[in-house]
Amino acid sequence: MIRSLLSFRCLSIIAAVVVTFACADLASAAEGTSLITFTPYIGIALTVIGAAFGISRLAAAAYESMSRQPEVAGSIQTAMIIAAALIEGFTFYALFLCTPK
């Protein structure tokens, strides 16, 4: 677990988020606004990234299992579509909650 957290991909994502927050804080200080006004957009970004990651992992696992057992591909595909629809439904709900008023 620790090794995966210290991977180059994870560290580059963390660095990008830190740089984004630092630049947003500097820009908001120059304009007189606060970083709190960017909070809904950060929530929307995290929601979309999480949903894309979840659906991609779901599809990868489903395609791998279909290639291992082609005789049950229909039921796996049906379960994959239902799970993807549930992920997207939750994503739309989270986007509705994160939308700025």
PDB file of N, CA and C in Angstrom:
ATOM      1  N   MET A   1       0.828  -1.194   0.000  1.00  0.00           N
ATOM      2  CA  MET A   1       0.000   0.000   0.000  1.00  0.00           C
ATOM      3  C   MET A   1       0.871   1.257   0.000  1.00  0.00           C
ATOM      4  N   ILE A   2       1.876   1.288   0.865  1.00  0.00           N
ATOM      5  CA  ILE A   2       2.763   2.450   0.932  1.00  0.00           C
ATOM      6  C   ILE A   2       3.539   2.605  -0.366  1.00  0.00           C
ATOM      7  N   ARG A   3       3.942   1.481  -0.944  1.00  0.00           N
ATOM      8  CA  ARG A   3       4.700   1.551  -2.196  1.00  0.00           C
ATOM      9  C   ARG A   3       3.858   2.150  -3.317  1.00  0.00           C
ATOM     10  N   SER A   4       2.576   1.790  -3.371  1.00  0.00           N
ATOM     11  CA  SER A   4       1.719   2.345  -4.413  1.00  0.00           C
ATOM     12  C   SER A   4       1.439   3.829  -4.178  1.00  0.00           C
ATOM     13  N   LEU A   5       1.399   4.253  -2.914  1.00  0.00           N
ATOM     14  CA  LEU A   5       1.180   5.671  -2.630  1.00  0.00           C
ATOM     15  C   LEU A   5       2.394   6.513  -2.988  1.00  0.00           C
ATOM     16  N   LEU A   6       3.561   5.905  -2.969  1.00  0.00           N
ATOM     17  CA  LEU A   6       4.781   6.635  -3.284  1.00  0.00           C
ATOM     18  C   LEU A   6       5.193   6.473  -4.747  1.00  0.00           C
ATOM     19  N   SER A   7       4.300   5.962  -5.559  1.00  0.00           N
ATOM     20  CA  SER A   7       4.632   5.801  -6.969  1.00  0.00           C
ATOM     21  C   SER A   7       4.717   7.170  -7.650  1.00  0.00           C
ATOM     22  N   PHE A   8       5.334   7.182  -8.804  1.00  0.00           N
ATOM     23  CA  PHE A   8       5.515   8.439  -9.529  1.00  0.00           C
ATOM     24  C   PHE A   8       4.174   9.039  -9.930  1.00  0.00           C
ATOM     25  N   ARG A   9       3.234   8.197 -10.327  1.00  0.00           N
ATOM     26  CA  ARG A   9       1.924   8.690 -10.747  1.00  0.00           C
ATOM     27  C   ARG A   9       1.202   9.375  -9.595  1.00  0.00           C
ATOM     28  N   CYS A  10       1.225   8.746  -8.430  1.00  0.00           N
ATOM     29  CA  CYS A  10       0.541   9.312  -7.263  1.00  0.00           C
ATOM     30  C   CYS A  10       1.207  10.608  -6.809  1.00  0.00           C
ATOM     31  N   LEU A  11       2.523  10.601  -6.782  1.00  0.00           N
ATOM     32  CA  LEU A  11       3.230  11.808  -6.358  1.00  0.00           C
ATOM     33  C   LEU A  11       3.051  12.953  -7.349  1.00  0.00           C
ATOM     34  N   SER A  12       2.959  12.640  -8.647  1.00  0.00           N
ATOM     35  CA  SER A  12       2.743  13.700  -9.636  1.00  0.00           C
ATOM     36  C   SER A  12       1.334  14.276  -9.523  1.00  0.00           C
ATOM     37  N   ILE A  13       0.358  13.446  -9.203  1.00  0.00           N
ATOM     38  CA  ILE A  13      -1.007  13.947  -9.014  1.00  0.00           C
ATOM     39  C   ILE A  13      -1.076  14.838  -7.779  1.00  0.00           C
ATOM     40  N   ILE A  14      -0.433  14.414  -6.705  1.00  0.00           N
ATOM     41  CA  ILE A  14      -0.421  15.222  -5.487  1.00  0.00           C
ATOM     42  C   ILE A  14       0.281  16.554  -5.742  1.00  0.00           C
ATOM     43  N   ALA A  15       1.383  16.528  -6.481  1.00  0.00           N
ATOM     44  CA  ALA A  15       2.094  17.763  -6.802  1.00  0.00           C
ATOM     45  C   ALA A  15       1.232  18.689  -7.652  1.00  0.00           C
ATOM     46  N   ALA A  16       0.497  18.127  -8.608  1.00  0.00           N
ATOM     47  CA  ALA A  16      -0.374  18.954  -9.447  1.00  0.00           C
ATOM     48  C   ALA A  16      -1.479  19.600  -8.622  1.00  0.00           C
ATOM     49  N   VAL A  17      -2.052  18.860  -7.674  1.00  0.00           N
ATOM     50  CA  VAL A  17      -3.111  19.414  -6.829  1.00  0.00           C
ATOM     51  C   VAL A  17      -2.554  20.517  -5.931  1.00  0.00           C
ATOM     52  N   VAL A  18      -1.376  20.299  -5.364  1.00  0.00           N
ATOM     53  CA  VAL A  18      -0.769  21.309  -4.493  1.00  0.00           C
ATOM     54  C   VAL A  18      -0.451  22.574  -5.284  1.00  0.00           C
ATOM     55  N   VAL A  19       0.099  22.418  -6.489  1.00  0.00           N
ATOM     56  CA  VAL A  19       0.407  23.586  -7.322  1.00  0.00           C
ATOM     57  C   VAL A  19      -0.871  24.320  -7.710  1.00  0.00           C
ATOM     58  N   THR A  20      -1.920  23.565  -8.015  1.00  0.00           N
ATOM     59  CA  THR A  20      -3.200  24.189  -8.365  1.00  0.00           C
ATOM     60  C   THR A  20      -3.750  24.996  -7.196  1.00  0.00           C
ATOM     61  N   PHE A  21      -3.718  24.424  -5.994  1.00  0.00           N
ATOM     62  CA  PHE A  21      -4.204  25.157  -4.827  1.00  0.00           C
ATOM     63  C   PHE A  21      -3.354  26.398  -4.549  1.00  0.00           C
ATOM     64  N   ALA A  22      -2.050  26.273  -4.710  1.00  0.00           N
ATOM     65  CA  ALA A  22      -1.169  27.422  -4.467  1.00  0.00           C
ATOM     66  C   ALA A  22      -1.435  28.532  -5.472  1.00  0.00           C
ATOM     67  N   CYS A  23      -1.579  28.174  -6.743  1.00  0.00           N
ATOM     68  CA  CYS A  23      -1.859  29.186  -7.768  1.00  0.00           C
ATOM     69  C   CYS A  23      -3.238  29.805  -7.567  1.00  0.00           C
ATOM     70  N   ALA A  24      -4.212  28.982  -7.195  1.00  0.00           N
ATOM     71  CA  ALA A  24      -5.553  29.507  -6.960  1.00  0.00           C
ATOM     72  C   ALA A  24      -5.558  30.442  -5.755  1.00  0.00           C
ATOM     73  N   ASP A  25      -4.782  30.103  -4.728  1.00  0.00           N
ATOM     74  CA  ASP A  25      -4.714  30.956  -3.547  1.00  0.00           C
ATOM     75  C   ASP A  25      -4.039  32.284  -3.875  1.00  0.00           C
ATOM     76  N   LEU A  26      -2.977  32.245  -4.673  1.00  0.00           N
ATOM     77  CA  LEU A  26      -2.313  33.486  -5.067  1.00  0.00           C
ATOM     78  C   LEU A  26      -3.215  34.346  -5.946  1.00  0.00           C
ATOM     79  N   ALA A  27      -3.929  33.703  -6.865  1.00  0.00           N
ATOM     80  CA  ALA A  27      -4.826  34.451  -7.749  1.00  0.00           C
ATOM     81  C   ALA A  27      -5.999  35.032  -6.968  1.00  0.00           C
ATOM     82  N   SER A  28      -6.507  34.273  -6.012  1.00  0.00           N
ATOM     83  CA  SER A  28      -7.631  34.785  -5.236  1.00  0.00           C
ATOM     84  C   SER A  28      -7.188  35.903  -4.299  1.00  0.00           C
ATOM     85  N   ALA A  29      -5.949  35.849  -3.814  1.00  0.00           N
ATOM     86  CA  ALA A  29      -5.441  36.915  -2.949  1.00  0.00           C
ATOM     87  C   ALA A  29      -5.271  38.202  -3.751  1.00  0.00           C
ATOM     88  N   ALA A  30      -4.895  38.064  -5.016  1.00  0.00           N
ATOM     89  CA  ALA A  30      -4.717  39.253  -5.845  1.00  0.00           C
ATOM     90  C   ALA A  30      -6.059  39.901  -6.187  1.00  0.00           C
ATOM     91  N   GLU A  31      -7.103  39.083  -6.308  1.00  0.00           N
ATOM     92  CA  GLU A  31      -8.419  39.616  -6.660  1.00  0.00           C
ATOM     93  C   GLU A  31      -9.256  39.970  -5.438  1.00  0.00           C
ATOM     94  N   GLY A  32      -8.845  39.551  -4.272  1.00  0.00           N
ATOM     95  CA  GLY A  32      -9.591  39.870  -3.066  1.00  0.00           C
ATOM     96  C   GLY A  32     -10.659  38.851  -2.724  1.00  0.00           C
ATOM     97  N   THR A  33     -10.714  37.732  -3.435  1.00  0.00           N
ATOM     98  CA  THR A  33     -11.664  36.671  -3.095  1.00  0.00           C
ATOM     99  C   THR A  33     -10.929  35.591  -2.325  1.00  0.00           C
ATOM    100  N   SER A  34     -11.660  34.609  -1.866  1.00  0.00           N
ATOM    101  CA  SER A  34     -11.017  33.534  -1.109  1.00  0.00           C
ATOM    102  C   SER A  34     -11.076  32.233  -1.896  1.00  0.00           C
ATOM    103  N   LEU A  35     -10.329  31.256  -1.416  1.00  0.00           N
ATOM    104  CA  LEU A  35     -10.285  29.946  -2.062  1.00  0.00           C
ATOM    105  C   LEU A  35     -11.600  29.194  -1.894  1.00  0.00           C
ATOM    106  N   ILE A  36     -12.424  29.633  -0.960  1.00  0.00           N
ATOM    107  CA  ILE A  36     -13.692  28.959  -0.710  1.00  0.00           C
ATOM    108  C   ILE A  36     -14.611  29.063  -1.924  1.00  0.00           C
ATOM    109  N   THR A  37     -14.462  30.087  -2.731  1.00  0.00           N
ATOM    110  CA  THR A  37     -15.308  30.205  -3.917  1.00  0.00           C
ATOM    111  C   THR A  37     -14.993  29.140  -4.957  1.00  0.00           C
ATOM    112  N   PHE A  38     -13.798  28.530  -4.883  1.00  0.00           N
ATOM    113  CA  PHE A  38     -13.427  27.470  -5.816  1.00  0.00           C
ATOM    114  C   PHE A  38     -13.850  26.088  -5.319  1.00  0.00           C
ATOM    115  N   THR A  39     -14.371  25.976  -4.122  1.00  0.00           N
ATOM    116  CA  THR A  39     -14.689  24.687  -3.526  1.00  0.00           C
ATOM    117  C   THR A  39     -15.672  23.854  -4.344  1.00  0.00           C
ATOM    118  N   PRO A  40     -16.771  24.397  -4.889  1.00  0.00           N
ATOM    119  CA  PRO A  40     -17.660  23.561  -5.692  1.00  0.00           C
ATOM    120  C   PRO A  40     -16.973  22.981  -6.926  1.00  0.00           C
ATOM    121  N   TYR A  41     -16.107  23.744  -7.524  1.00  0.00           N
ATOM    122  CA  TYR A  41     -15.433  23.272  -8.730  1.00  0.00           C
ATOM    123  C   TYR A  41     -14.418  22.178  -8.406  1.00  0.00           C
ATOM    124  N   ILE A  42     -13.794  22.267  -7.253  1.00  0.00           N
ATOM    125  CA  ILE A  42     -12.887  21.213  -6.816  1.00  0.00           C
ATOM    126  C   ILE A  42     -13.686  19.939  -6.549  1.00  0.00           C
ATOM    127  N   GLY A  43     -14.849  20.073  -5.935  1.00  0.00           N
ATOM    128  CA  GLY A  43     -15.721  18.921  -5.698  1.00  0.00           C
ATOM    129  C   GLY A  43     -16.187  18.276  -6.985  1.00  0.00           C
ATOM    130  N   ILE A  44     -16.538  19.095  -7.964  1.00  0.00           N
ATOM    131  CA  ILE A  44     -16.960  18.568  -9.262  1.00  0.00           C
ATOM    132  C   ILE A  44     -15.812  17.815  -9.921  1.00  0.00           C
ATOM    133  N   ALA A  45     -14.613  18.372  -9.862  1.00  0.00           N
ATOM    134  CA  ALA A  45     -13.452  17.711 -10.473  1.00  0.00           C
ATOM    135  C   ALA A  45     -13.167  16.378  -9.800  1.00  0.00           C
ATOM    136  N   LEU A  46     -13.204  16.336  -8.484  1.00  0.00           N
ATOM    137  CA  LEU A  46     -12.954  15.084  -7.779  1.00  0.00           C
ATOM    138  C   LEU A  46     -14.038  14.049  -8.060  1.00  0.00           C
ATOM    139  N   THR A  47     -15.275  14.489  -8.186  1.00  0.00           N
ATOM    140  CA  THR A  47     -16.364  13.575  -8.490  1.00  0.00           C
ATOM    141  C   THR A  47     -16.201  12.948  -9.861  1.00  0.00           C
ATOM    142  N   VAL A  48     -15.888  13.762 -10.847  1.00  0.00           N
ATOM    143  CA  VAL A  48     -15.738  13.254 -12.213  1.00  0.00           C
ATOM    144  C   VAL A  48     -14.520  12.334 -12.317  1.00  0.00           C
ATOM    145  N   ILE A  49     -13.419  12.708 -11.670  1.00  0.00           N
ATOM    146  CA  ILE A  49     -12.228  11.858 -11.697  1.00  0.00           C
ATOM    147  C   ILE A  49     -12.514  10.518 -11.015  1.00  0.00           C
ATOM    148  N   GLY A  50     -13.183  10.547  -9.899  1.00  0.00           N
ATOM    149  CA  GLY A  50     -13.516   9.307  -9.191  1.00  0.00           C
ATOM    150  C   GLY A  50     -14.445   8.411  -9.982  1.00  0.00           C
ATOM    151  N   ALA A  51     -15.445   9.002 -10.623  1.00  0.00           N
ATOM    152  CA  ALA A  51     -16.373   8.204 -11.429  1.00  0.00           C
ATOM    153  C   ALA A  51     -15.673   7.600 -12.635  1.00  0.00           C
ATOM    154  N   ALA A  52     -14.819   8.357 -13.287  1.00  0.00           N
ATOM    155  CA  ALA A  52     -14.089   7.831 -14.435  1.00  0.00           C
ATOM    156  C   ALA A  52     -13.166   6.694 -14.014  1.00  0.00           C
ATOM    157  N   PHE A  53     -12.504   6.853 -12.880  1.00  0.00           N
ATOM    158  CA  PHE A  53     -11.629   5.794 -12.381  1.00  0.00           C
ATOM    159  C   PHE A  53     -12.432   4.544 -12.032  1.00  0.00           C
ATOM    160  N   GLY A  54     -13.568   4.721 -11.382  1.00  0.00           N
ATOM    161  CA  GLY A  54     -14.398   3.577 -11.000  1.00  0.00           C
ATOM    162  C   GLY A  54     -14.957   2.821 -12.194  1.00  0.00           C
ATOM    163  N   ILE A  55     -15.450   3.540 -13.180  1.00  0.00           N
ATOM    164  CA  ILE A  55     -16.005   2.881 -14.362  1.00  0.00           C
ATOM    165  C   ILE A  55     -14.898   2.208 -15.163  1.00  0.00           C
ATOM    166  N   SER A  56     -13.720   2.813 -15.225  1.00  0.00           N
ATOM    167  CA  SER A  56     -12.629   2.174 -15.963  1.00  0.00           C
ATOM    168  C   SER A  56     -12.178   0.891 -15.276  1.00  0.00           C
ATOM    169  N   ARG A  57     -12.108   0.894 -13.949  1.00  0.00           N
ATOM    170  CA  ARG A  57     -11.747  -0.328 -13.230  1.00  0.00           C
ATOM    171  C   ARG A  57     -12.820  -1.397 -13.394  1.00  0.00           C
ATOM    172  N   LEU A  58     -14.076  -0.977 -13.378  1.00  0.00           N
ATOM    173  CA  LEU A  58     -15.185  -1.905 -13.566  1.00  0.00           C
ATOM    174  C   LEU A  58     -15.130  -2.553 -14.943  1.00  0.00           C
ATOM    175  N   ALA A  59     -14.918  -1.752 -15.960  1.00  0.00           N
ATOM    176  CA  ALA A  59     -14.868  -2.285 -17.329  1.00  0.00           C
ATOM    177  C   ALA A  59     -13.659  -3.191 -17.519  1.00  0.00           C
ATOM    178  N   ALA A  60     -12.518  -2.820 -16.958  1.00  0.00           N
ATOM    179  CA  ALA A  60     -11.324  -3.655 -17.101  1.00  0.00           C
ATOM    180  C   ALA A  60     -11.528  -5.015 -16.452  1.00  0.00           C
ATOM    181  N   ALA A  61     -12.113  -5.020 -15.270  1.00  0.00           N
ATOM    182  CA  ALA A  61     -12.354  -6.294 -14.587  1.00  0.00           C
ATOM    183  C   ALA A  61     -13.391  -7.134 -15.333  1.00  0.00           C
ATOM    184  N   ALA A  62     -14.416  -6.480 -15.861  1.00  0.00           N
ATOM    185  CA  ALA A  62     -15.448  -7.219 -16.586  1.00  0.00           C
ATOM    186  C   ALA A  62     -14.895  -7.815 -17.876  1.00  0.00           C
ATOM    187  N   TYR A  63     -14.107  -7.051 -18.616  1.00  0.00           N
ATOM    188  CA  TYR A  63     -13.542  -7.581 -19.859  1.00  0.00           C
ATOM    189  C   TYR A  63     -12.547  -8.703 -19.591  1.00  0.00           C
ATOM    190  N   GLU A  64     -11.817  -8.591 -18.512  1.00  0.00           N
ATOM    191  CA  GLU A  64     -10.886  -9.665 -18.169  1.00  0.00           C
ATOM    192  C   GLU A  64     -11.639 -10.940 -17.809  1.00  0.00           C
ATOM    193  N   SER A  65     -12.701 -10.805 -17.038  1.00  0.00           N
ATOM    194  CA  SER A  65     -13.475 -11.991 -16.671  1.00  0.00           C
ATOM    195  C   SER A  65     -14.219 -12.565 -17.871  1.00  0.00           C
ATOM    196  N   MET A  66     -14.646 -11.716 -18.805  1.00  0.00           N
ATOM    197  CA  MET A  66     -15.287 -12.226 -20.024  1.00  0.00           C
ATOM    198  C   MET A  66     -14.286 -12.992 -20.885  1.00  0.00           C
ATOM    199  N   SER A  67     -13.044 -12.540 -20.910  1.00  0.00           N
ATOM    200  CA  SER A  67     -12.051 -13.252 -21.713  1.00  0.00           C
ATOM    201  C   SER A  67     -11.664 -14.583 -21.070  1.00  0.00           C
ATOM    202  N   ARG A  68     -11.776 -14.669 -19.747  1.00  0.00           N
ATOM    203  CA  ARG A  68     -11.442 -15.920 -19.075  1.00  0.00           C
ATOM    204  C   ARG A  68     -12.577 -16.934 -19.172  1.00  0.00           C
ATOM    205  N   GLN A  69     -13.819 -16.450 -19.120  1.00  0.00           N
ATOM    206  CA  GLN A  69     -14.977 -17.341 -19.198  1.00  0.00           C
ATOM    207  C   GLN A  69     -15.977 -16.778 -20.208  1.00  0.00           C
ATOM    208  N   PRO A  70     -15.790 -17.073 -21.480  1.00  0.00           N
ATOM    209  CA  PRO A  70     -16.677 -16.501 -22.500  1.00  0.00           C
ATOM    210  C   PRO A  70     -18.129 -16.979 -22.401  1.00  0.00           C
ATOM    211  N   GLU A  71     -18.361 -18.121 -21.753  1.00  0.00           N
ATOM    212  CA  GLU A  71     -19.728 -18.644 -21.682  1.00  0.00           C
ATOM    213  C   GLU A  71     -20.632 -17.832 -20.764  1.00  0.00           C
ATOM    214  N   VAL A  72     -20.077 -17.051 -19.843  1.00  0.00           N
ATOM    215  CA  VAL A  72     -20.899 -16.220 -18.963  1.00  0.00           C
ATOM    216  C   VAL A  72     -20.757 -14.734 -19.299  1.00  0.00           C
ATOM    217  N   ALA A  73     -20.326 -14.435 -20.518  1.00  0.00           N
ATOM    218  CA  ALA A  73     -20.097 -13.044 -20.908  1.00  0.00           C
ATOM    219  C   ALA A  73     -21.378 -12.216 -20.860  1.00  0.00           C
ATOM    220  N   GLY A  74     -22.508 -12.808 -21.194  1.00  0.00           N
ATOM    221  CA  GLY A  74     -23.772 -12.059 -21.182  1.00  0.00           C
ATOM    222  C   GLY A  74     -24.152 -11.584 -19.795  1.00  0.00           C
ATOM    223  N   SER A  75     -24.043 -12.460 -18.806  1.00  0.00           N
ATOM    224  CA  SER A  75     -24.411 -12.057 -17.446  1.00  0.00           C
ATOM    225  C   SER A  75     -23.394 -11.068 -16.865  1.00  0.00           C
ATOM    226  N   ILE A  76     -22.120 -11.226 -17.223  1.00  0.00           N
ATOM    227  CA  ILE A  76     -21.112 -10.280 -16.755  1.00  0.00           C
ATOM    228  C   ILE A  76     -21.355  -8.905 -17.359  1.00  0.00           C
ATOM    229  N   GLN A  77     -21.706  -8.894 -18.642  1.00  0.00           N
ATOM    230  CA  GLN A  77     -21.956  -7.615 -19.309  1.00  0.00           C
ATOM    231  C   GLN A  77     -23.176  -6.918 -18.713  1.00  0.00           C
ATOM    232  N   THR A  78     -24.221  -7.691 -18.404  1.00  0.00           N
ATOM    233  CA  THR A  78     -25.411  -7.109 -17.784  1.00  0.00           C
ATOM    234  C   THR A  78     -25.080  -6.523 -16.411  1.00  0.00           C
ATOM    235  N   ALA A  79     -24.322  -7.256 -15.610  1.00  0.00           N
ATOM    236  CA  ALA A  79     -23.937  -6.758 -14.288  1.00  0.00           C
ATOM    237  C   ALA A  79     -23.049  -5.522 -14.412  1.00  0.00           C
ATOM    238  N   MET A  80     -22.172  -5.501 -15.425  1.00  0.00           N
ATOM    239  CA  MET A  80     -21.294  -4.348 -15.630  1.00  0.00           C
ATOM    240  C   MET A  80     -22.111  -3.111 -15.988  1.00  0.00           C
ATOM    241  N   ILE A  81     -23.093  -3.263 -16.852  1.00  0.00           N
ATOM    242  CA  ILE A  81     -23.916  -2.119 -17.261  1.00  0.00           C
ATOM    243  C   ILE A  81     -24.719  -1.584 -16.077  1.00  0.00           C
ATOM    244  N   ILE A  82     -25.257  -2.466 -15.259  1.00  0.00           N
ATOM    245  CA  ILE A  82     -26.018  -2.034 -14.084  1.00  0.00           C
ATOM    246  C   ILE A  82     -25.113  -1.297 -13.096  1.00  0.00           C
ATOM    247  N   ALA A  83     -23.921  -1.835 -12.867  1.00  0.00           N
ATOM    248  CA  ALA A  83     -22.996  -1.179 -11.944  1.00  0.00           C
ATOM    249  C   ALA A  83     -22.533   0.169 -12.486  1.00  0.00           C
ATOM    250  N   ALA A  84     -22.284   0.261 -13.789  1.00  0.00           N
ATOM    251  CA  ALA A  84     -21.875   1.536 -14.379  1.00  0.00           C
ATOM    252  C   ALA A  84     -23.003   2.564 -14.280  1.00  0.00           C
ATOM    253  N   ALA A  85     -24.239   2.116 -14.457  1.00  0.00           N
ATOM    254  CA  ALA A  85     -25.371   3.036 -14.324  1.00  0.00           C
ATOM    255  C   ALA A  85     -25.503   3.547 -12.894  1.00  0.00           C
ATOM    256  N   LEU A  86     -25.255   2.680 -11.910  1.00  0.00           N
ATOM    257  CA  LEU A  86     -25.304   3.122 -10.519  1.00  0.00           C
ATOM    258  C   LEU A  86     -24.185   4.119 -10.210  1.00  0.00           C
ATOM    259  N   ILE A  87     -22.998   3.875 -10.760  1.00  0.00           N
ATOM    260  CA  ILE A  87     -21.888   4.811 -10.560  1.00  0.00           C
ATOM    261  C   ILE A  87     -22.223   6.158 -11.189  1.00  0.00           C
ATOM    262  N   GLU A  88     -22.765   6.143 -12.388  1.00  0.00           N
ATOM    263  CA  GLU A  88     -23.113   7.403 -13.049  1.00  0.00           C
ATOM    264  C   GLU A  88     -24.253   8.123 -12.329  1.00  0.00           C
ATOM    265  N   GLY A  89     -25.204   7.373 -11.800  1.00  0.00           N
ATOM    266  CA  GLY A  89     -26.287   7.995 -11.036  1.00  0.00           C
ATOM    267  C   GLY A  89     -25.766   8.700  -9.799  1.00  0.00           C
ATOM    268  N   PHE A  90     -24.863   8.045  -9.092  1.00  0.00           N
ATOM    269  CA  PHE A  90     -24.259   8.677  -7.924  1.00  0.00           C
ATOM    270  C   PHE A  90     -23.433   9.889  -8.326  1.00  0.00           C
ATOM    271  N   THR A  91     -22.772   9.802  -9.477  1.00  0.00           N
ATOM    272  CA  THR A  91     -21.971  10.921  -9.966  1.00  0.00           C
ATOM    273  C   THR A  91     -22.853  12.131 -10.261  1.00  0.00           C
ATOM    274  N   PHE A  92     -23.975  11.901 -10.921  1.00  0.00           N
ATOM    275  CA  PHE A  92     -24.875  13.016 -11.223  1.00  0.00           C
ATOM    276  C   PHE A  92     -25.442  13.634  -9.947  1.00  0.00           C
ATOM    277  N   TYR A  93     -25.738  12.800  -8.941  1.00  0.00           N
ATOM    278  CA  TYR A  93     -26.214  13.319  -7.665  1.00  0.00           C
ATOM    279  C   TYR A  93     -25.138  14.169  -6.989  1.00  0.00           C
ATOM    280  N   ALA A  94     -23.891  13.679  -7.005  1.00  0.00           N
ATOM    281  CA  ALA A  94     -22.791  14.443  -6.410  1.00  0.00           C
ATOM    282  C   ALA A  94     -22.553  15.745  -7.169  1.00  0.00           C
ATOM    283  N   LEU A  95     -22.662  15.701  -8.503  1.00  0.00           N
ATOM    284  CA  LEU A  95     -22.510  16.933  -9.287  1.00  0.00           C
ATOM    285  C   LEU A  95     -23.620  17.926  -8.970  1.00  0.00           C
ATOM    286  N   PHE A  96     -24.823  17.422  -8.729  1.00  0.00           N
ATOM    287  CA  PHE A  96     -25.928  18.301  -8.351  1.00  0.00           C
ATOM    288  C   PHE A  96     -25.653  18.963  -7.007  1.00  0.00           C
ATOM    289  N   LEU A  97     -25.071  18.204  -6.065  1.00  0.00           N
ATOM    290  CA  LEU A  97     -24.755  18.777  -4.760  1.00  0.00           C
ATOM    291  C   LEU A  97     -23.610  19.766  -4.841  1.00  0.00           C
ATOM    292  N   CYS A  98     -22.665  19.544  -5.763  1.00  0.00           N
ATOM    293  CA  CYS A  98     -21.487  20.405  -5.864  1.00  0.00           C
ATOM    294  C   CYS A  98     -21.713  21.629  -6.736  1.00  0.00           C
ATOM    295  N   THR A  99     -22.809  21.676  -7.470  1.00  0.00           N
ATOM    296  CA  THR A  99     -23.046  22.789  -8.368  1.00  0.00           C
ATOM    297  C   THR A  99     -23.196  24.085  -7.577  1.00  0.00           C
ATOM    298  N   PRO A 100     -22.473  25.128  -7.981  1.00  0.00           N
ATOM    299  CA  PRO A 100     -22.579  26.400  -7.248  1.00  0.00           C
ATOM    300  C   PRO A 100     -23.983  26.982  -7.361  1.00  0.00           C
ATOM    301  N   LYS A 101     -24.436  27.535  -6.292  1.00  0.00           N
ATOM    302  CA  LYS A 101     -25.808  28.084  -6.237  1.00  0.00           C
ATOM    303  C   LYS A 101     -25.831  29.503  -6.783  1.00  0.00           C
TER     304      LYS A 101
END
